Amino acid sequence: MKTVTEKVDEAKWNINHWKLFISLSLGYLMWGLITSIAPLTYSLAKGNPIYIALPALYPLIGTLLLPYLSDKVLGRKKTFYITLILYLAGALIVSATAYYISSSSVAFLPLVLVGLLLANIGVEGEVPTGLSYAAENFPLKWREKLLILIPNFDNIGITVAALLSLIAFSQISSPTFVMEVLGFSAILVSVFLILVRFSLPESVRWLVTKGKVNEAEKNAELLLTKGEDTTTPMKNNRVYKLPLITRYLFLVILGVSQYLTFGLMAYTIADYYFSNNQYYLSTIIFVASLATVLAGFLAAYIVDKIRTRFYVMLSYIGGTITMLPILALVMIASSITGTYLVMFYILLALNMLFSEFAWGSRTILEPLLFPTQNRAFLIGLVRAIPIVSYAISVYLTSSIPLVNYVLLNLILWGMGAVASLWWFFRGYDTNLVPLEEITTENLSQQG
C-alpha cells in the first residue's frame, strides 16, 4: 500500500495544483514589485547608500522568523496568511505616503522605509515557506520545473515594475509617482491573492511530521484525482549521505555568489553608475529582468532533461565566463554611452541568463536538500548570509570605480563556479527522487 507522501508524489495534476501554483507564483510576483520600490528611495535620499542598504537588510527578519514559525507551529498555509497581510500593509503605506505626502517632508522617507520593512518581511518570509510548500506538495513529475518556474515570477514582477516605471516616468518625471504606481499594483495583486489562498491544501509532508496523519490524508485527497492511477516513475539515483552542515555550507556559497551578483549587476550598478539618468536606470533593470524571465522559462524546459549536477555546474560556470566580456568592456570604454551602452545591455542580458539558471539551481537544491521538520527555516538560514552580505556590499561598493565593481562580481561568480564543480563530483542528482530519499529523512509515522 502506498504511503500518503507517495500518493502526493505520483499524483496527476488537478485544480488544487493550479491553485497552489497561482498562489505561489503571484507571491513571487509581489516580491519583484516590492523590491523594485527600494531603489527609488536612493535618488530621493540624495544618493545616500544607506537607503539602499537598509531595505536590503529588511528581508533578514522575514527570512528567519516566519519560516521558523512555519516549520514549528503555523504550517505553510497559515504562514501565507501572515505574509499576505504584511506585504499588503506595506504596499498601502508606501503608496499612500507617495500620494499624500511631499517627498521633501521629513516624514516621507521614514514612512516609506516602514512600508518597505513590512512588505519585505512579508515577501521574504514567503520565499523559504513557498519553496518548501512547492517541494512538499507538487508531483515529482513537475517538481523541478515548478521550483524554477514559480520563482521566475519574481523576475516577471521586476520586469513589470521596470516597464511600469518607464511608462510612469515618461508621463511624470517623478520617482514618487513611480512609487505610487508600483504600490498600487502590489495592492491589486494582494487582493487577488486573498481570494486564492483560502482554498489551498496544507503541506501534506508538514502535517505528517507533526503526527497529524489523518489530516494529512484529507489534504492529500485534495491533490489527488478520484480514481486516478498514480504511476509516475521514480529514479533510484544514488544519494550520498552528506552531513547536513556540508549541504548547508555548499548552499550558502551558491547563495552568496548568485544573490550578490544579481543584485549588484541588475539593481545597484544602475543606481551607482547611471543614477544621473532615470531612463538609463530603469532600462538597465528592465533589460536585466527581461533576460532573467526568458531564461527562467528556458531553464524550466531543460532542467528535467539533464542531470541536476550538470545543470548547477553549467549555471555558475556560464555566469563566470559571461562576466569576462563585461569586465573587458568597462576597462576599454571611457564611459558607458552610445555603442558601448548597447553592448553593455547585450552582455548584461547574457550574464543575467546564467544568473537565472543559478537562481534555479538554488530554488531546486535549497528545499530538496533539507528535512521537512526544519526545511523552511534552514532555507531562510541559507538566505540570511547572502542578504547580510548584499547589504554590506551595497554600502561598501557605493564609491569604488566601475572596473573594480565588475571585477568583484567576477570573483563572486568564480566562487559559485568552484562550489558547483565540487557538487558535480561529490553531490548527487535529484530528478524524480522523493524528498525523503534526497534528505535521508524517515517519515515513519505516516500512513
Protein backbone atom coordinates (compact mmCIF):
# COMPACT_ATOMS: atom_id res chain seq x y z
CA MET A 1 0.00 0.00 0.00
CA LYS A 2 1.35 3.42 -0.95
CA THR A 3 2.14 5.97 1.74
CA VAL A 4 0.45 9.37 1.71
CA THR A 5 3.64 11.09 0.50
CA GLU A 6 4.00 8.58 -2.34
CA LYS A 7 0.43 9.37 -3.39
CA VAL A 8 1.27 13.08 -3.45
CA ASP A 9 4.49 12.47 -5.41
CA GLU A 10 2.71 10.37 -8.04
CA ALA A 11 -0.50 12.44 -8.30
CA LYS A 12 -1.86 13.71 -11.58
CA TRP A 13 -2.25 17.45 -12.00
CA ASN A 14 -5.62 18.82 -10.81
CA ILE A 15 -7.40 22.07 -9.92
CA ASN A 16 -5.78 22.32 -6.47
CA HIS A 17 -2.32 22.09 -8.01
CA TRP A 18 -3.35 25.04 -10.18
CA LYS A 19 -4.46 27.00 -7.10
CA LEU A 20 -1.18 26.31 -5.36
CA PHE A 21 0.77 27.25 -8.49
CA ILE A 22 -1.12 30.55 -8.89
CA SER A 23 -0.78 31.40 -5.20
CA LEU A 24 2.95 30.72 -5.09
CA SER A 25 3.62 32.44 -8.42
CA LEU A 26 1.78 35.62 -7.52
CA GLY A 27 3.61 35.68 -4.19
CA TYR A 28 6.88 35.80 -6.12
CA LEU A 29 5.41 38.43 -8.45
CA MET A 30 4.79 40.53 -5.33
CA TRP A 31 8.41 40.04 -4.33
CA GLY A 32 9.51 41.53 -7.65
CA LEU A 33 7.16 44.51 -7.32
CA ILE A 34 8.13 45.27 -3.72
CA THR A 35 11.90 45.02 -4.21
CA SER A 36 11.65 47.38 -7.19
CA ILE A 37 10.45 50.20 -4.93
CA ALA A 38 13.58 50.37 -2.75
CA PRO A 39 15.97 51.73 -5.45
CA LEU A 40 13.61 54.69 -5.95
CA THR A 41 14.48 55.93 -2.46
CA TYR A 42 18.13 56.34 -3.47
CA SER A 43 17.57 59.41 -5.66
CA LEU A 44 15.09 60.87 -3.16
CA ALA A 45 17.69 60.47 -0.40
CA LYS A 46 20.24 62.42 -2.47
CA GLY A 47 22.41 59.39 -3.17
CA ASN A 48 22.89 58.21 0.42
CA PRO A 49 23.67 54.45 0.08
CA ILE A 50 22.16 53.73 3.50
CA TYR A 51 18.74 53.97 1.84
CA ILE A 52 19.59 51.02 -0.39
CA ALA A 53 21.44 49.10 2.33
CA LEU A 54 18.60 49.35 4.86
CA PRO A 55 15.87 47.82 2.64
CA ALA A 56 18.42 45.19 1.65
CA LEU A 57 18.63 44.17 5.33
CA TYR A 58 14.87 44.13 5.96
CA PRO A 59 14.35 40.65 4.45
CA LEU A 60 16.59 39.20 7.18
CA ILE A 61 13.71 39.40 9.66
CA GLY A 62 11.27 37.68 7.34
CA THR A 63 13.66 35.01 6.12
CA LEU A 64 14.40 33.78 9.66
CA LEU A 65 11.34 34.42 11.83
CA LEU A 66 8.42 33.43 9.59
CA PRO A 67 9.98 30.21 8.20
CA TYR A 68 10.84 29.14 11.76
CA LEU A 69 7.22 29.64 12.83
CA SER A 70 6.07 27.87 9.66
CA ASP A 71 8.14 24.79 10.50
CA LYS A 72 7.30 24.68 14.19
CA VAL A 73 3.69 25.75 14.64
CA LEU A 74 1.98 27.50 11.74
CA GLY A 75 2.44 25.21 8.77
CA ARG A 76 2.70 26.54 5.24
CA LYS A 77 -0.87 27.74 4.67
CA LYS A 78 -1.23 29.87 7.84
CA THR A 79 2.17 31.43 7.23
CA PHE A 80 0.89 32.52 3.82
CA TYR A 81 -1.93 34.46 5.51
CA ILE A 82 0.58 36.35 7.65
CA THR A 83 2.91 37.16 4.76
CA LEU A 84 -0.03 38.40 2.70
CA ILE A 85 -1.18 40.76 5.47
CA LEU A 86 2.36 42.12 5.88
CA TYR A 87 3.04 42.97 2.27
CA LEU A 88 -0.46 44.33 1.73
CA ALA A 89 0.03 46.66 4.72
CA GLY A 90 3.46 47.67 3.43
CA ALA A 91 2.17 48.40 -0.07
CA LEU A 92 -0.66 50.51 1.37
CA ILE A 93 1.77 52.59 3.45
CA VAL A 94 4.18 53.14 0.55
CA SER A 95 1.51 54.10 -1.99
CA ALA A 96 -0.38 56.34 0.48
CA THR A 97 2.83 58.10 1.53
CA ALA A 98 3.86 58.69 -2.08
CA TYR A 99 0.39 60.05 -2.93
CA TYR A 100 -0.40 62.22 0.11
CA ILE A 101 2.99 63.36 1.48
CA SER A 102 5.54 65.54 -0.28
CA SER A 103 8.92 63.91 -0.88
CA SER A 104 10.53 67.00 0.72
CA SER A 105 8.75 66.32 4.02
CA VAL A 106 10.88 64.94 6.86
CA ALA A 107 8.23 62.23 7.36
CA PHE A 108 8.37 60.95 3.79
CA LEU A 109 11.43 58.67 3.78
CA PRO A 110 10.82 57.22 7.28
CA LEU A 111 7.25 56.28 6.31
CA VAL A 112 8.38 54.72 3.04
CA LEU A 113 11.04 52.74 4.92
CA VAL A 114 8.41 51.49 7.40
CA GLY A 115 6.22 50.37 4.50
CA LEU A 116 9.16 48.64 2.83
CA LEU A 117 10.06 46.99 6.15
CA LEU A 118 6.62 45.39 6.49
CA ALA A 119 6.40 44.45 2.82
CA ASN A 120 9.89 42.96 2.71
CA ILE A 121 9.33 40.92 5.87
CA GLY A 122 6.23 39.54 4.19
CA VAL A 123 7.65 38.70 0.78
CA GLU A 124 10.95 37.40 2.13
CA GLY A 125 9.21 35.25 4.73
CA GLU A 126 7.18 33.78 1.92
CA VAL A 127 10.23 32.69 -0.12
CA PRO A 128 11.51 29.84 2.12
CA THR A 129 7.96 28.87 3.04
CA GLY A 130 6.86 28.88 -0.60
CA LEU A 131 9.81 26.79 -1.77
CA SER A 132 9.05 24.28 1.00
CA TYR A 133 5.36 24.27 0.10
CA ALA A 134 6.15 23.57 -3.57
CA ALA A 135 8.70 20.83 -2.88
CA GLU A 136 6.37 19.09 -0.44
CA ASN A 137 3.08 19.18 -2.36
CA PHE A 138 3.77 19.09 -6.10
CA PRO A 139 4.07 15.78 -8.02
CA LEU A 140 7.59 14.51 -8.72
CA LYS A 141 6.97 14.77 -12.45
CA TRP A 142 6.64 18.55 -12.20
CA ARG A 143 8.64 19.36 -9.07
CA GLU A 144 11.96 20.61 -10.54
CA LYS A 145 10.23 22.50 -13.35
CA LEU A 146 7.95 24.29 -10.90
CA LEU A 147 10.78 25.04 -8.47
CA ILE A 148 12.26 27.10 -11.32
CA LEU A 149 9.07 28.38 -12.97
CA ILE A 150 7.38 29.67 -9.79
CA PRO A 151 10.34 31.75 -8.53
CA ASN A 152 10.68 33.11 -12.08
CA PHE A 153 7.60 35.18 -11.31
CA ASP A 154 9.89 37.31 -9.14
CA ASN A 155 11.68 38.24 -12.37
CA ILE A 156 8.33 38.81 -14.08
CA GLY A 157 7.40 41.12 -11.20
CA ILE A 158 10.67 43.04 -11.59
CA THR A 159 10.14 43.28 -15.35
CA VAL A 160 6.57 44.52 -14.93
CA ALA A 161 7.78 47.01 -12.31
CA ALA A 162 10.57 48.27 -14.59
CA LEU A 163 8.16 48.61 -17.52
CA LEU A 164 5.62 50.44 -15.35
CA SER A 165 8.44 52.68 -14.12
CA LEU A 166 9.48 53.54 -17.67
CA ILE A 167 5.88 54.35 -18.64
CA ALA A 168 5.18 56.29 -15.45
CA PHE A 169 8.41 58.26 -15.68
CA SER A 170 7.68 59.17 -19.31
CA GLN A 171 4.36 60.68 -18.16
CA ILE A 172 5.51 62.40 -14.97
CA SER A 173 9.25 62.65 -14.27
CA SER A 174 8.90 61.87 -10.59
CA PRO A 175 10.17 58.89 -8.53
CA THR A 176 7.25 59.37 -6.12
CA PHE A 177 4.74 58.89 -8.95
CA VAL A 178 6.54 55.66 -9.92
CA MET A 179 6.32 54.64 -6.26
CA GLU A 180 2.56 55.25 -6.30
CA VAL A 181 2.12 53.11 -9.42
CA LEU A 182 4.16 50.19 -8.05
CA GLY A 183 2.50 50.36 -4.64
CA PHE A 184 -0.99 50.36 -6.17
CA SER A 185 -0.05 47.42 -8.43
CA ALA A 186 1.10 45.46 -5.37
CA ILE A 187 -2.21 46.18 -3.64
CA LEU A 188 -4.19 44.80 -6.60
CA VAL A 189 -2.16 41.57 -6.63
CA SER A 190 -2.60 41.21 -2.85
CA VAL A 191 -6.38 41.49 -3.09
CA PHE A 192 -6.48 38.74 -5.73
CA LEU A 193 -4.25 36.53 -3.55
CA ILE A 194 -6.71 36.81 -0.67
CA LEU A 195 -9.32 35.09 -2.84
CA VAL A 196 -6.98 32.30 -3.95
CA ARG A 197 -5.33 31.30 -0.67
CA PHE A 198 -8.38 30.39 1.38
CA SER A 199 -8.91 27.14 -0.55
CA LEU A 200 -5.31 25.88 -0.57
CA PRO A 201 -4.44 22.46 0.90
CA GLU A 202 -1.86 22.37 3.70
CA SER A 203 1.52 20.75 3.10
CA VAL A 204 0.94 17.02 3.44
CA ARG A 205 4.53 16.35 4.50
CA TRP A 206 4.43 19.06 7.17
CA LEU A 207 1.29 17.51 8.65
CA VAL A 208 2.96 14.08 8.70
CA THR A 209 5.99 15.43 10.59
CA LYS A 210 3.59 16.82 13.20
CA GLY A 211 1.92 13.43 13.60
CA LYS A 212 -1.34 14.67 12.03
CA VAL A 213 -1.68 11.68 9.72
CA ASN A 214 -5.47 11.80 9.36
CA GLU A 215 -5.35 15.48 8.46
CA ALA A 216 -2.52 14.73 6.03
CA GLU A 217 -4.69 12.11 4.32
CA LYS A 218 -7.56 14.59 3.98
CA ASN A 219 -5.29 17.25 2.45
CA ALA A 220 -3.70 14.67 0.17
CA GLU A 221 -7.16 13.86 -1.20
CA LEU A 222 -7.35 17.45 -2.47
CA LEU A 223 -4.22 16.78 -4.54
CA LEU A 224 -5.49 13.51 -6.00
CA THR A 225 -7.90 12.94 -8.86
CA LYS A 226 -10.65 10.49 -7.95
CA GLY A 227 -9.95 7.04 -9.35
CA GLU A 228 -6.55 8.02 -10.73
CA ASP A 229 -3.77 5.53 -11.31
CA THR A 230 -0.61 7.09 -9.86
CA THR A 231 2.23 5.70 -11.90
CA THR A 232 4.87 8.45 -12.13
CA PRO A 233 8.24 6.68 -12.48
CA MET A 234 10.78 7.26 -9.74
CA LYS A 235 14.52 7.20 -10.23
CA ASN A 236 16.85 5.26 -7.99
CA ASN A 237 19.68 7.78 -8.18
CA ARG A 238 22.49 7.16 -5.78
CA VAL A 239 22.15 9.62 -2.88
CA TYR A 240 25.28 10.13 -0.79
CA LYS A 241 24.74 10.79 2.90
CA LEU A 242 26.43 14.17 3.06
CA PRO A 243 26.27 15.78 6.54
CA LEU A 244 23.64 18.49 6.97
CA ILE A 245 26.32 21.11 7.73
CA THR A 246 28.09 20.25 4.45
CA ARG A 247 24.88 20.69 2.48
CA TYR A 248 24.21 23.96 4.30
CA LEU A 249 27.66 25.46 3.63
CA PHE A 250 27.51 24.42 -0.03
CA LEU A 251 24.15 26.16 -0.45
CA VAL A 252 25.43 29.27 1.35
CA ILE A 253 28.28 29.59 -1.16
CA LEU A 254 25.88 29.20 -4.09
CA GLY A 255 23.56 31.73 -2.46
CA VAL A 256 26.19 34.39 -1.85
CA SER A 257 27.50 34.00 -5.39
CA GLN A 258 24.12 34.27 -7.14
CA TYR A 259 22.33 36.72 -4.82
CA LEU A 260 25.11 39.30 -4.78
CA THR A 261 25.95 39.13 -8.47
CA PHE A 262 22.31 39.50 -9.46
CA GLY A 263 21.62 42.36 -7.04
CA LEU A 264 24.82 44.23 -7.83
CA MET A 265 24.57 43.86 -11.62
CA ALA A 266 20.79 44.18 -12.10
CA TYR A 267 19.98 46.83 -9.47
CA THR A 268 22.86 48.55 -7.74
CA ILE A 269 25.05 49.18 -10.77
CA ALA A 270 22.18 51.21 -12.23
CA ASP A 271 21.90 53.35 -9.08
CA TYR A 272 25.61 53.93 -8.61
CA TYR A 273 26.80 54.46 -12.18
CA PHE A 274 23.70 55.55 -14.12
CA SER A 275 21.66 57.41 -11.49
CA ASN A 276 22.09 60.73 -13.33
CA ASN A 277 19.69 59.38 -15.96
CA GLN A 278 16.45 57.85 -14.66
CA TYR A 279 15.71 56.40 -18.10
CA TYR A 280 19.05 54.54 -18.21
CA LEU A 281 18.48 53.32 -14.66
CA SER A 282 15.05 51.85 -15.43
CA THR A 283 16.25 50.46 -18.77
CA ILE A 284 19.13 48.54 -17.18
CA ILE A 285 16.77 46.98 -14.64
CA PHE A 286 14.26 46.21 -17.41
CA VAL A 287 16.90 44.56 -19.65
CA ALA A 288 18.31 42.50 -16.78
CA SER A 289 14.91 41.36 -15.55
CA LEU A 290 13.54 40.58 -19.02
CA ALA A 291 16.60 38.43 -19.71
CA THR A 292 16.04 36.52 -16.47
CA VAL A 293 12.35 36.00 -17.28
CA LEU A 294 13.16 34.42 -20.64
CA ALA A 295 16.00 32.41 -19.11
CA GLY A 296 13.64 31.14 -16.41
CA PHE A 297 11.33 29.60 -18.99
CA LEU A 298 14.33 28.09 -20.80
CA ALA A 299 15.69 26.69 -17.53
CA ALA A 300 12.31 25.15 -16.65
CA TYR A 301 12.27 23.46 -20.05
CA ILE A 302 15.74 21.89 -19.82
CA VAL A 303 16.04 21.11 -16.10
CA ASP A 304 14.49 17.65 -16.27
CA LYS A 305 16.31 16.79 -19.48
CA ILE A 306 19.80 16.96 -17.96
CA ARG A 307 21.30 15.82 -14.68
CA THR A 308 20.84 18.21 -11.77
CA ARG A 309 24.57 18.30 -11.07
CA PHE A 310 25.37 19.28 -14.66
CA TYR A 311 22.65 21.96 -14.62
CA VAL A 312 24.15 23.52 -11.47
CA MET A 313 27.68 23.46 -12.90
CA LEU A 314 26.52 24.94 -16.23
CA SER A 315 24.77 27.79 -14.41
CA TYR A 316 27.72 29.01 -12.37
CA ILE A 317 30.50 28.41 -14.89
CA GLY A 318 28.39 30.15 -17.54
CA GLY A 319 27.86 33.11 -15.22
CA THR A 320 31.59 33.36 -14.56
CA ILE A 321 32.56 33.22 -18.24
CA THR A 322 29.98 35.84 -19.29
CA MET A 323 31.38 38.32 -16.76
CA LEU A 324 34.69 38.42 -18.65
CA PRO A 325 33.47 40.45 -21.68
CA ILE A 326 31.68 42.87 -19.32
CA LEU A 327 34.95 43.41 -17.46
CA ALA A 328 36.76 43.92 -20.77
CA LEU A 329 34.13 46.46 -21.88
CA VAL A 330 34.35 48.64 -18.76
CA MET A 331 38.16 48.53 -18.94
CA ILE A 332 38.16 49.71 -22.57
CA ALA A 333 35.34 52.27 -22.51
CA SER A 334 35.98 55.70 -21.03
CA SER A 335 32.23 55.99 -20.41
CA ILE A 336 29.31 53.62 -20.93
CA THR A 337 27.33 55.58 -23.50
CA GLY A 338 26.28 55.20 -27.13
CA THR A 339 27.52 51.98 -28.73
CA TYR A 340 29.21 50.94 -25.50
CA LEU A 341 25.87 51.21 -23.69
CA VAL A 342 24.16 48.97 -26.27
CA MET A 343 26.99 46.44 -25.92
CA PHE A 344 26.64 46.64 -22.14
CA TYR A 345 22.91 45.86 -22.37
CA ILE A 346 23.59 42.80 -24.57
CA LEU A 347 26.37 41.45 -22.36
CA LEU A 348 24.34 42.11 -19.21
CA ALA A 349 21.38 40.20 -20.68
CA LEU A 350 23.64 37.23 -21.44
CA ASN A 351 25.05 37.23 -17.92
CA MET A 352 21.55 37.50 -16.46
CA LEU A 353 20.57 34.38 -18.39
CA PHE A 354 23.07 32.39 -16.36
CA SER A 355 22.12 34.29 -13.22
CA GLU A 356 18.60 32.94 -13.64
CA PHE A 357 19.97 29.45 -14.24
CA ALA A 358 21.93 29.83 -10.99
CA TRP A 359 18.82 31.09 -9.19
CA GLY A 360 17.07 27.96 -10.46
CA SER A 361 19.89 25.83 -9.05
CA ARG A 362 19.26 27.39 -5.66
CA THR A 363 15.46 27.11 -5.75
CA ILE A 364 15.79 23.41 -6.59
CA LEU A 365 18.51 22.42 -4.15
CA GLU A 366 17.58 24.57 -1.14
CA PRO A 367 14.18 22.91 -0.49
CA LEU A 368 15.30 19.46 -1.64
CA LEU A 369 18.44 19.10 0.50
CA PHE A 370 16.82 19.88 3.86
CA PRO A 371 14.46 17.74 6.02
CA THR A 372 10.77 18.64 6.29
CA GLN A 373 10.74 19.42 10.02
CA ASN A 374 13.26 22.29 9.54
CA ARG A 375 13.07 22.89 5.80
CA ALA A 376 11.72 26.46 5.66
CA PHE A 377 13.93 27.71 8.50
CA LEU A 378 17.09 26.16 7.04
CA ILE A 379 16.31 27.70 3.65
CA GLY A 380 15.93 31.02 5.47
CA LEU A 381 19.20 30.41 7.31
CA VAL A 382 20.92 29.85 3.97
CA ARG A 383 19.38 33.03 2.55
CA ALA A 384 20.32 35.10 5.61
CA ILE A 385 24.02 35.04 4.72
CA PRO A 386 23.58 36.44 1.18
CA ILE A 387 21.10 39.03 2.47
CA VAL A 388 23.57 40.38 5.05
CA SER A 389 26.46 40.13 2.58
CA TYR A 390 24.50 42.04 -0.04
CA ALA A 391 23.56 44.84 2.35
CA ILE A 392 27.21 45.23 3.36
CA SER A 393 28.46 45.07 -0.24
CA VAL A 394 25.89 47.65 -1.38
CA TYR A 395 27.23 50.08 1.21
CA LEU A 396 30.93 49.36 0.62
CA THR A 397 30.77 49.49 -3.20
CA SER A 398 29.00 52.85 -3.37
CA SER A 399 32.15 54.78 -4.30
CA ILE A 400 34.51 52.28 -5.96
CA PRO A 401 35.47 52.55 -9.67
CA LEU A 402 33.26 50.68 -12.13
CA VAL A 403 36.12 48.36 -13.16
CA ASN A 404 36.65 47.24 -9.56
CA TYR A 405 32.90 46.83 -9.16
CA VAL A 406 32.68 44.45 -12.13
CA LEU A 407 35.83 42.62 -11.01
CA LEU A 408 34.20 41.96 -7.63
CA ASN A 409 31.24 40.39 -9.43
CA LEU A 410 33.59 38.18 -11.44
CA ILE A 411 35.21 36.94 -8.22
CA LEU A 412 31.80 36.22 -6.68
CA TRP A 413 30.76 34.24 -9.76
CA GLY A 414 34.04 32.30 -9.60
CA MET A 415 33.31 31.34 -6.01
CA GLY A 416 30.00 29.80 -7.08
CA ALA A 417 31.66 28.04 -10.02
CA VAL A 418 34.13 26.30 -7.70
CA ALA A 419 31.27 25.16 -5.43
CA SER A 420 29.29 23.85 -8.42
CA LEU A 421 32.30 21.83 -9.58
CA TRP A 422 32.58 20.31 -6.10
CA TRP A 423 28.89 19.33 -6.20
CA PHE A 424 29.28 17.82 -9.66
CA PHE A 425 31.89 15.37 -8.36
CA ARG A 426 30.72 14.90 -4.75
CA GLY A 427 26.98 15.60 -4.86
CA TYR A 428 24.00 13.82 -6.42
CA ASP A 429 21.11 14.34 -8.82
CA THR A 430 17.57 15.00 -7.56
CA ASN A 431 15.43 14.43 -10.67
CA LEU A 432 12.38 12.26 -9.82
CA VAL A 433 13.85 11.29 -6.43
CA PRO A 434 11.40 11.56 -3.47
CA LEU A 435 12.23 14.16 -0.83
CA GLU A 436 12.67 11.56 1.87
CA GLU A 437 15.44 9.85 -0.11
CA ILE A 438 17.22 13.08 -1.03
CA THR A 439 17.32 14.26 2.57
CA THR A 440 17.75 10.73 4.02
CA GLU A 441 14.63 11.55 6.03
CA ASN A 442 12.35 8.94 7.60
CA LEU A 443 8.69 9.87 7.93
CA SER A 444 7.94 6.59 9.67
CA GLN A 445 4.70 7.72 11.28
CA GLN A 446 2.87 8.30 8.01
CA GLY A 447 0.08 6.00 6.92
